[in-house]
């Protein structure tokens, strides 16, 4: 089967659209996760609530890690496109 060659400019544009959609999805997940209302559970020994005391900023940290993974993958793809385009 014959492989179709895509121009580097079109390939870069397609990947830019892909990373933009991926980042919008990540932001939506962060927003929805931060809107979740957890019921207050009282810890028997400490007297605090469960989620805010144990994991106060876990949603932000996981968002940043996911964003860095997506950006790393995208940079790898850009480098591969540039290597292919420039030889």
PDB file of N, CA and C in Angstrom:
ATOM      1  N   UNK A   1       0.834  -1.170   0.000  1.00  0.00           N
ATOM      2  CA  UNK A   1       0.000   0.000   0.000  1.00  0.00           C
ATOM      3  C   UNK A   1       0.885   1.241   0.000  1.00  0.00           C
ATOM      4  N   UNK A   2       0.525   2.226  -0.771  1.00  0.00           N
ATOM      5  CA  UNK A   2       1.301   3.448  -0.927  1.00  0.00           C
ATOM      6  C   UNK A   2       1.032   4.414   0.230  1.00  0.00           C
ATOM      7  N   UNK A   3       2.134   4.920   0.830  1.00  0.00           N
ATOM      8  CA  UNK A   3       2.010   5.857   1.941  1.00  0.00           C
ATOM      9  C   UNK A   3       1.930   7.282   1.400  1.00  0.00           C
ATOM     10  N   UNK A   4       0.947   8.048   1.894  1.00  0.00           N
ATOM     11  CA  UNK A   4       0.755   9.430   1.447  1.00  0.00           C
ATOM     12  C   UNK A   4       1.645  10.348   2.276  1.00  0.00           C
ATOM     13  N   UNK A   5       2.417  11.179   1.595  1.00  0.00           N
ATOM     14  CA  UNK A   5       3.288  12.139   2.272  1.00  0.00           C
ATOM     15  C   UNK A   5       2.502  13.398   2.613  1.00  0.00           C
ATOM     16  N   UNK A   6       2.587  13.821   3.865  1.00  0.00           N
ATOM     17  CA  UNK A   6       1.936  15.049   4.314  1.00  0.00           C
ATOM     18  C   UNK A   6       3.005  16.117   4.442  1.00  0.00           C
ATOM     19  N   UNK A   7       2.695  17.320   3.972  1.00  0.00           N
ATOM     20  CA  UNK A   7       3.680  18.399   4.052  1.00  0.00           C
ATOM     21  C   UNK A   7       3.970  18.724   5.521  1.00  0.00           C
ATOM     22  N   UNK A   8       5.208  19.135   5.825  1.00  0.00           N
ATOM     23  CA  UNK A   8       5.557  19.454   7.217  1.00  0.00           C
ATOM     24  C   UNK A   8       4.685  20.563   7.812  1.00  0.00           C
ATOM     25  N   UNK A   9       4.323  21.561   7.010  1.00  0.00           N
ATOM     26  CA  UNK A   9       3.477  22.638   7.515  1.00  0.00           C
ATOM     27  C   UNK A   9       2.107  22.133   7.937  1.00  0.00           C
ATOM     28  N   UNK A  10       1.514  21.280   7.120  1.00  0.00           N
ATOM     29  CA  UNK A  10       0.210  20.708   7.445  1.00  0.00           C
ATOM     30  C   UNK A  10       0.309  19.787   8.656  1.00  0.00           C
ATOM     31  N   UNK A  11       1.399  19.048   8.725  1.00  0.00           N
ATOM     32  CA  UNK A  11       1.611  18.154   9.861  1.00  0.00           C
ATOM     33  C   UNK A  11       1.765  18.947  11.160  1.00  0.00           C
ATOM     34  N   UNK A  12       2.529  20.046  11.128  1.00  0.00           N
ATOM     35  CA  UNK A  12       2.689  20.900  12.312  1.00  0.00           C
ATOM     36  C   UNK A  12       1.353  21.524  12.719  1.00  0.00           C
ATOM     37  N   UNK A  13       0.583  21.991  11.730  1.00  0.00           N
ATOM     38  CA  UNK A  13      -0.722  22.587  12.022  1.00  0.00           C
ATOM     39  C   UNK A  13      -1.651  21.568  12.671  1.00  0.00           C
ATOM     40  N   UNK A  14      -1.677  20.364  12.136  1.00  0.00           N
ATOM     41  CA  UNK A  14      -2.516  19.310  12.702  1.00  0.00           C
ATOM     42  C   UNK A  14      -2.135  18.995  14.138  1.00  0.00           C
ATOM     43  N   UNK A  15      -0.841  18.974  14.425  1.00  0.00           N
ATOM     44  CA  UNK A  15      -0.396  18.706  15.783  1.00  0.00           C
ATOM     45  C   UNK A  15      -0.687  19.871  16.716  1.00  0.00           C
ATOM     46  N   UNK A  16      -0.651  21.099  16.210  1.00  0.00           N
ATOM     47  CA  UNK A  16      -1.021  22.255  17.032  1.00  0.00           C
ATOM     48  C   UNK A  16      -2.497  22.191  17.422  1.00  0.00           C
ATOM     49  N   UNK A  17      -3.335  21.806  16.484  1.00  0.00           N
ATOM     50  CA  UNK A  17      -4.762  21.654  16.775  1.00  0.00           C
ATOM     51  C   UNK A  17      -4.958  20.540  17.801  1.00  0.00           C
ATOM     52  N   UNK A  18      -4.214  19.459  17.652  1.00  0.00           N
ATOM     53  CA  UNK A  18      -4.324  18.327  18.570  1.00  0.00           C
ATOM     54  C   UNK A  18      -3.952  18.730  19.994  1.00  0.00           C
ATOM     55  N   UNK A  19      -2.834  19.446  20.174  1.00  0.00           N
ATOM     56  CA  UNK A  19      -2.413  19.837  21.521  1.00  0.00           C
ATOM     57  C   UNK A  19      -3.376  20.866  22.104  1.00  0.00           C
ATOM     58  N   UNK A  20      -3.950  21.733  21.263  1.00  0.00           N
ATOM     59  CA  UNK A  20      -4.917  22.713  21.755  1.00  0.00           C
ATOM     60  C   UNK A  20      -6.166  22.014  22.302  1.00  0.00           C
ATOM     61  N   UNK A  21      -6.653  21.029  21.580  1.00  0.00           N
ATOM     62  CA  UNK A  21      -7.825  20.277  22.029  1.00  0.00           C
ATOM     63  C   UNK A  21      -7.503  19.512  23.314  1.00  0.00           C
ATOM     64  N   UNK A  22      -6.311  18.930  23.355  1.00  0.00           N
ATOM     65  CA  UNK A  22      -5.902  18.182  24.543  1.00  0.00           C
ATOM     66  C   UNK A  22      -5.817  19.103  25.765  1.00  0.00           C
ATOM     67  N   UNK A  23      -5.277  20.303  25.599  1.00  0.00           N
ATOM     68  CA  UNK A  23      -5.170  21.246  26.709  1.00  0.00           C
ATOM     69  C   UNK A  23      -6.545  21.739  27.152  1.00  0.00           C
ATOM     70  N   UNK A  24      -7.459  21.967  26.202  1.00  0.00           N
ATOM     71  CA  UNK A  24      -8.820  22.365  26.569  1.00  0.00           C
ATOM     72  C   UNK A  24      -9.511  21.262  27.376  1.00  0.00           C
ATOM     73  N   UNK A  25      -9.294  20.007  26.980  1.00  0.00           N
ATOM     74  CA  UNK A  25      -9.870  18.888  27.724  1.00  0.00           C
ATOM     75  C   UNK A  25      -9.300  18.813  29.138  1.00  0.00           C
ATOM     76  N   UNK A  26      -7.980  19.017  29.263  1.00  0.00           N
ATOM     77  CA  UNK A  26      -7.361  18.993  30.581  1.00  0.00           C
ATOM     78  C   UNK A  26      -7.894  20.115  31.471  1.00  0.00           C
ATOM     79  N   UNK A  27      -8.076  21.317  30.896  1.00  0.00           N
ATOM     80  CA  UNK A  27      -8.620  22.433  31.675  1.00  0.00           C
ATOM     81  C   UNK A  27     -10.055  22.150  32.115  1.00  0.00           C
ATOM     82  N   UNK A  28     -10.841  21.521  31.246  1.00  0.00           N
ATOM     83  CA  UNK A  28     -12.216  21.182  31.592  1.00  0.00           C
ATOM     84  C   UNK A  28     -12.256  20.151  32.726  1.00  0.00           C
ATOM     85  N   UNK A  29     -11.375  19.158  32.656  1.00  0.00           N
ATOM     86  CA  UNK A  29     -11.307  18.156  33.718  1.00  0.00           C
ATOM     87  C   UNK A  29     -10.906  18.816  35.038  1.00  0.00           C
ATOM     88  N   UNK A  30      -9.942  19.733  35.001  1.00  0.00           N
ATOM     89  CA  UNK A  30      -9.533  20.447  36.216  1.00  0.00           C
ATOM     90  C   UNK A  30     -10.696  21.240  36.786  1.00  0.00           C
ATOM     91  N   UNK A  31     -11.403  21.951  35.939  1.00  0.00           N
ATOM     92  CA  UNK A  31     -12.530  22.763  36.392  1.00  0.00           C
ATOM     93  C   UNK A  31     -13.609  21.887  37.022  1.00  0.00           C
ATOM     94  N   UNK A  32     -13.960  20.805  36.353  1.00  0.00           N
ATOM     95  CA  UNK A  32     -15.013  19.924  36.870  1.00  0.00           C
ATOM     96  C   UNK A  32     -14.568  19.237  38.165  1.00  0.00           C
ATOM     97  N   UNK A  33     -13.294  18.881  38.248  1.00  0.00           N
ATOM     98  CA  UNK A  33     -12.790  18.233  39.453  1.00  0.00           C
ATOM     99  C   UNK A  33     -12.811  19.175  40.641  1.00  0.00           C
ATOM    100  N   UNK A  34     -12.483  20.449  40.401  1.00  0.00           N
ATOM    101  CA  UNK A  34     -12.482  21.416  41.495  1.00  0.00           C
ATOM    102  C   UNK A  34     -13.894  21.774  41.947  1.00  0.00           C
ATOM    103  N   UNK A  35     -14.890  21.535  41.108  1.00  0.00           N
ATOM    104  CA  UNK A  35     -16.283  21.825  41.472  1.00  0.00           C
ATOM    105  C   UNK A  35     -16.925  20.718  42.305  1.00  0.00           C
ATOM    106  N   UNK A  36     -16.262  19.573  42.409  1.00  0.00           N
ATOM    107  CA  UNK A  36     -16.845  18.453  43.151  1.00  0.00           C
ATOM    108  C   UNK A  36     -16.922  18.820  44.631  1.00  0.00           C
ATOM    109  N   UNK A  37     -18.092  18.604  45.202  1.00  0.00           N
ATOM    110  CA  UNK A  37     -18.304  18.850  46.630  1.00  0.00           C
ATOM    111  C   UNK A  37     -18.202  17.515  47.360  1.00  0.00           C
ATOM    112  N   UNK A  38     -17.178  17.375  48.181  1.00  0.00           N
ATOM    113  CA  UNK A  38     -17.022  16.165  48.975  1.00  0.00           C
ATOM    114  C   UNK A  38     -17.728  16.346  50.312  1.00  0.00           C
ATOM    115  N   UNK A  39     -18.405  15.327  50.772  1.00  0.00           N
ATOM    116  CA  UNK A  39     -19.023  15.443  52.097  1.00  0.00           C
ATOM    117  C   UNK A  39     -17.934  15.524  53.163  1.00  0.00           C
ATOM    118  N   UNK A  40     -18.224  16.247  54.218  1.00  0.00           N
ATOM    119  CA  UNK A  40     -17.250  16.382  55.295  1.00  0.00           C
ATOM    120  C   UNK A  40     -17.217  15.102  56.116  1.00  0.00           C
ATOM    121  N   UNK A  41     -16.052  14.482  56.114  1.00  0.00           N
ATOM    122  CA  UNK A  41     -15.815  13.313  56.951  1.00  0.00           C
ATOM    123  C   UNK A  41     -14.883  13.750  58.067  1.00  0.00           C
ATOM    124  N   UNK A  42     -15.249  13.466  59.252  1.00  0.00           N
ATOM    125  CA  UNK A  42     -14.412  13.858  60.387  1.00  0.00           C
ATOM    126  C   UNK A  42     -13.474  12.713  60.713  1.00  0.00           C
ATOM    127  N   UNK A  43     -12.187  13.035  60.712  1.00  0.00           N
ATOM    128  CA  UNK A  43     -11.211  12.030  61.111  1.00  0.00           C
ATOM    129  C   UNK A  43     -11.296  11.851  62.619  1.00  0.00           C
ATOM    130  N   UNK A  44     -11.261  10.627  63.067  1.00  0.00           N
ATOM    131  CA  UNK A  44     -11.485  10.353  64.482  1.00  0.00           C
ATOM    132  C   UNK A  44     -10.417  10.979  65.375  1.00  0.00           C
ATOM    133  N   UNK A  45      -9.164  10.908  64.971  1.00  0.00           N
ATOM    134  CA  UNK A  45      -8.094  11.388  65.838  1.00  0.00           C
ATOM    135  C   UNK A  45      -7.743  12.852  65.622  1.00  0.00           C
ATOM    136  N   UNK A  46      -7.948  13.351  64.442  1.00  0.00           N
ATOM    137  CA  UNK A  46      -7.474  14.696  64.127  1.00  0.00           C
ATOM    138  C   UNK A  46      -8.569  15.743  64.088  1.00  0.00           C
ATOM    139  N   UNK A  47      -9.796  15.360  63.911  1.00  0.00           N
ATOM    140  CA  UNK A  47     -10.896  16.302  63.930  1.00  0.00           C
ATOM    141  C   UNK A  47     -11.014  17.168  62.694  1.00  0.00           C
ATOM    142  N   UNK A  48     -10.343  16.838  61.599  1.00  0.00           N
ATOM    143  CA  UNK A  48     -10.411  17.628  60.376  1.00  0.00           C
ATOM    144  C   UNK A  48     -11.201  16.906  59.305  1.00  0.00           C
ATOM    145  N   UNK A  49     -11.397  17.571  58.181  1.00  0.00           N
ATOM    146  CA  UNK A  49     -12.091  16.910  57.080  1.00  0.00           C
ATOM    147  C   UNK A  49     -11.093  16.099  56.272  1.00  0.00           C
ATOM    148  N   UNK A  50     -11.573  15.092  55.620  1.00  0.00           N
ATOM    149  CA  UNK A  50     -10.707  14.109  54.980  1.00  0.00           C
ATOM    150  C   UNK A  50      -9.957  14.652  53.772  1.00  0.00           C
ATOM    151  N   UNK A  51     -10.652  15.104  52.760  1.00  0.00           N
ATOM    152  CA  UNK A  51     -10.012  15.480  51.500  1.00  0.00           C
ATOM    153  C   UNK A  51      -9.145  16.742  51.625  1.00  0.00           C
ATOM    154  N   UNK A  52      -9.674  17.870  52.111  1.00  0.00           N
ATOM    155  CA  UNK A  52      -8.848  19.082  52.152  1.00  0.00           C
ATOM    156  C   UNK A  52      -7.617  18.971  53.042  1.00  0.00           C
ATOM    157  N   UNK A  53      -7.704  18.195  54.108  1.00  0.00           N
ATOM    158  CA  UNK A  53      -6.562  18.090  55.004  1.00  0.00           C
ATOM    159  C   UNK A  53      -5.467  17.182  54.461  1.00  0.00           C
ATOM    160  N   UNK A  54      -5.868  16.099  53.843  1.00  0.00           N
ATOM    161  CA  UNK A  54      -4.876  15.133  53.367  1.00  0.00           C
ATOM    162  C   UNK A  54      -4.328  15.524  51.994  1.00  0.00           C
ATOM    163  N   UNK A  55      -5.194  15.940  51.094  1.00  0.00           N
ATOM    164  CA  UNK A  55      -4.791  16.276  49.729  1.00  0.00           C
ATOM    165  C   UNK A  55      -5.280  17.676  49.366  1.00  0.00           C
ATOM    166  N   UNK A  56      -4.693  18.729  49.908  1.00  0.00           N
ATOM    167  CA  UNK A  56      -5.243  20.071  49.680  1.00  0.00           C
ATOM    168  C   UNK A  56      -5.160  20.558  48.237  1.00  0.00           C
ATOM    169  N   UNK A  57      -4.135  20.177  47.505  1.00  0.00           N
ATOM    170  CA  UNK A  57      -3.989  20.693  46.143  1.00  0.00           C
ATOM    171  C   UNK A  57      -3.701  19.588  45.126  1.00  0.00           C
ATOM    172  N   UNK A  58      -4.257  18.430  45.360  1.00  0.00           N
ATOM    173  CA  UNK A  58      -3.979  17.287  44.490  1.00  0.00           C
ATOM    174  C   UNK A  58      -4.492  17.497  43.067  1.00  0.00           C
ATOM    175  N   UNK A  59      -5.615  18.192  42.889  1.00  0.00           N
ATOM    176  CA  UNK A  59      -6.146  18.384  41.539  1.00  0.00           C
ATOM    177  C   UNK A  59      -5.236  19.288  40.718  1.00  0.00           C
ATOM    178  N   UNK A  60      -4.696  20.329  41.340  1.00  0.00           N
ATOM    179  CA  UNK A  60      -3.781  21.220  40.606  1.00  0.00           C
ATOM    180  C   UNK A  60      -2.485  20.505  40.247  1.00  0.00           C
ATOM    181  N   UNK A  61      -1.953  19.742  41.177  1.00  0.00           N
ATOM    182  CA  UNK A  61      -0.708  19.018  40.911  1.00  0.00           C
ATOM    183  C   UNK A  61      -0.894  17.996  39.802  1.00  0.00           C
ATOM    184  N   UNK A  62      -1.992  17.273  39.820  1.00  0.00           N
ATOM    185  CA  UNK A  62      -2.220  16.282  38.773  1.00  0.00           C
ATOM    186  C   UNK A  62      -2.441  16.950  37.421  1.00  0.00           C
ATOM    187  N   UNK A  63      -3.074  18.135  37.419  1.00  0.00           N
ATOM    188  CA  UNK A  63      -3.246  18.888  36.177  1.00  0.00           C
ATOM    189  C   UNK A  63      -1.892  19.290  35.607  1.00  0.00           C
ATOM    190  N   UNK A  64      -1.000  19.779  36.451  1.00  0.00           N
ATOM    191  CA  UNK A  64       0.326  20.210  35.995  1.00  0.00           C
ATOM    192  C   UNK A  64       1.118  19.025  35.457  1.00  0.00           C
ATOM    193  N   UNK A  65       1.065  17.890  36.134  1.00  0.00           N
ATOM    194  CA  UNK A  65       1.782  16.698  35.654  1.00  0.00           C
ATOM    195  C   UNK A  65       1.219  16.251  34.307  1.00  0.00           C
ATOM    196  N   UNK A  66      -0.095  16.218  34.170  1.00  0.00           N
ATOM    197  CA  UNK A  66      -0.709  15.822  32.896  1.00  0.00           C
ATOM    198  C   UNK A  66      -0.349  16.789  31.783  1.00  0.00           C
ATOM    199  N   UNK A  67      -0.314  18.074  32.090  1.00  0.00           N
ATOM    200  CA  UNK A  67       0.048  19.085  31.103  1.00  0.00           C
ATOM    201  C   UNK A  67       1.495  18.921  30.655  1.00  0.00           C
ATOM    202  N   UNK A  68       2.390  18.670  31.590  1.00  0.00           N
ATOM    203  CA  UNK A  68       3.800  18.467  31.233  1.00  0.00           C
ATOM    204  C   UNK A  68       4.006  17.212  30.390  1.00  0.00           C
ATOM    205  N   UNK A  69       3.268  16.165  30.682  1.00  0.00           N
ATOM    206  CA  UNK A  69       3.364  14.950  29.876  1.00  0.00           C
ATOM    207  C   UNK A  69       2.877  15.221  28.454  1.00  0.00           C
ATOM    208  N   UNK A  70       1.767  15.934  28.316  1.00  0.00           N
ATOM    209  CA  UNK A  70       1.238  16.258  26.984  1.00  0.00           C
ATOM    210  C   UNK A  70       2.213  17.157  26.212  1.00  0.00           C
ATOM    211  N   UNK A  71       2.795  18.148  26.888  1.00  0.00           N
ATOM    212  CA  UNK A  71       3.750  19.037  26.221  1.00  0.00           C
ATOM    213  C   UNK A  71       5.014  18.298  25.816  1.00  0.00           C
ATOM    214  N   UNK A  72       5.497  17.396  26.659  1.00  0.00           N
ATOM    215  CA  UNK A  72       6.680  16.608  26.325  1.00  0.00           C
ATOM    216  C   UNK A  72       6.430  15.759  25.085  1.00  0.00           C
ATOM    217  N   UNK A  73       5.270  15.136  25.026  1.00  0.00           N
ATOM    218  CA  UNK A  73       4.916  14.325  23.860  1.00  0.00           C
ATOM    219  C   UNK A  73       4.812  15.187  22.601  1.00  0.00           C
ATOM    220  N   UNK A  74       4.245  16.396  22.759  1.00  0.00           N
ATOM    221  CA  UNK A  74       4.096  17.284  21.609  1.00  0.00           C
ATOM    222  C   UNK A  74       5.455  17.789  21.112  1.00  0.00           C
ATOM    223  N   UNK A  75       6.358  18.134  22.038  1.00  0.00           N
ATOM    224  CA  UNK A  75       7.703  18.568  21.635  1.00  0.00           C
ATOM    225  C   UNK A  75       8.449  17.458  20.906  1.00  0.00           C
ATOM    226  N   UNK A  76       8.255  16.211  21.367  1.00  0.00           N
ATOM    227  CA  UNK A  76       8.877  15.076  20.686  1.00  0.00           C
ATOM    228  C   UNK A  76       8.349  14.968  19.258  1.00  0.00           C
ATOM    229  N   UNK A  77       7.043  15.155  19.093  1.00  0.00           N
ATOM    230  CA  UNK A  77       6.433  15.102  17.763  1.00  0.00           C
ATOM    231  C   UNK A  77       6.934  16.234  16.879  1.00  0.00           C
ATOM    232  N   UNK A  78       7.019  17.461  17.422  1.00  0.00           N
ATOM    233  CA  UNK A  78       7.530  18.596  16.650  1.00  0.00           C
ATOM    234  C   UNK A  78       8.961  18.347  16.195  1.00  0.00           C
ATOM    235  N   UNK A  79       9.795  17.825  17.092  1.00  0.00           N
ATOM    236  CA  UNK A  79      11.192  17.545  16.728  1.00  0.00           C
ATOM    237  C   UNK A  79      11.266  16.503  15.612  1.00  0.00           C
ATOM    238  N   UNK A  80      10.409  15.506  15.685  1.00  0.00           N
ATOM    239  CA  UNK A  80      10.395  14.478  14.638  1.00  0.00           C
ATOM    240  C   UNK A  80       9.957  15.067  13.296  1.00  0.00           C
ATOM    241  N   UNK A  81       8.954  15.950  13.318  1.00  0.00           N
ATOM    242  CA  UNK A  81       8.502  16.604  12.075  1.00  0.00           C
ATOM    243  C   UNK A  81       9.615  17.476  11.502  1.00  0.00           C
ATOM    244  N   UNK A  82      10.280  18.241  12.355  1.00  0.00           N
ATOM    245  CA  UNK A  82      11.379  19.090  11.890  1.00  0.00           C
ATOM    246  C   UNK A  82      12.546  18.268  11.357  1.00  0.00           C
ATOM    247  N   UNK A  83      12.843  17.147  12.012  1.00  0.00           N
ATOM    248  CA  UNK A  83      13.926  16.283  11.533  1.00  0.00           C
ATOM    249  C   UNK A  83      13.583  15.717  10.160  1.00  0.00           C
ATOM    250  N   UNK A  84      12.350  15.302   9.984  1.00  0.00           N
ATOM    251  CA  UNK A  84      11.917  14.761   8.701  1.00  0.00           C
ATOM    252  C   UNK A  84      11.933  15.849   7.619  1.00  0.00           C
ATOM    253  N   UNK A  85      11.505  17.057   7.961  1.00  0.00           N
ATOM    254  CA  UNK A  85      11.417  18.153   6.985  1.00  0.00           C
ATOM    255  C   UNK A  85      12.785  18.652   6.558  1.00  0.00           C
ATOM    256  N   UNK A  86      13.724  18.711   7.508  1.00  0.00           N
ATOM    257  CA  UNK A  86      15.041  19.282   7.188  1.00  0.00           C
ATOM    258  C   UNK A  86      16.078  18.258   6.829  1.00  0.00           C
ATOM    259  N   UNK A  87      15.784  17.010   7.080  1.00  0.00           N
ATOM    260  CA  UNK A  87      16.730  15.952   6.750  1.00  0.00           C
ATOM    261  C   UNK A  87      17.864  15.925   7.737  1.00  0.00           C
TER     262      UNK A  87
END
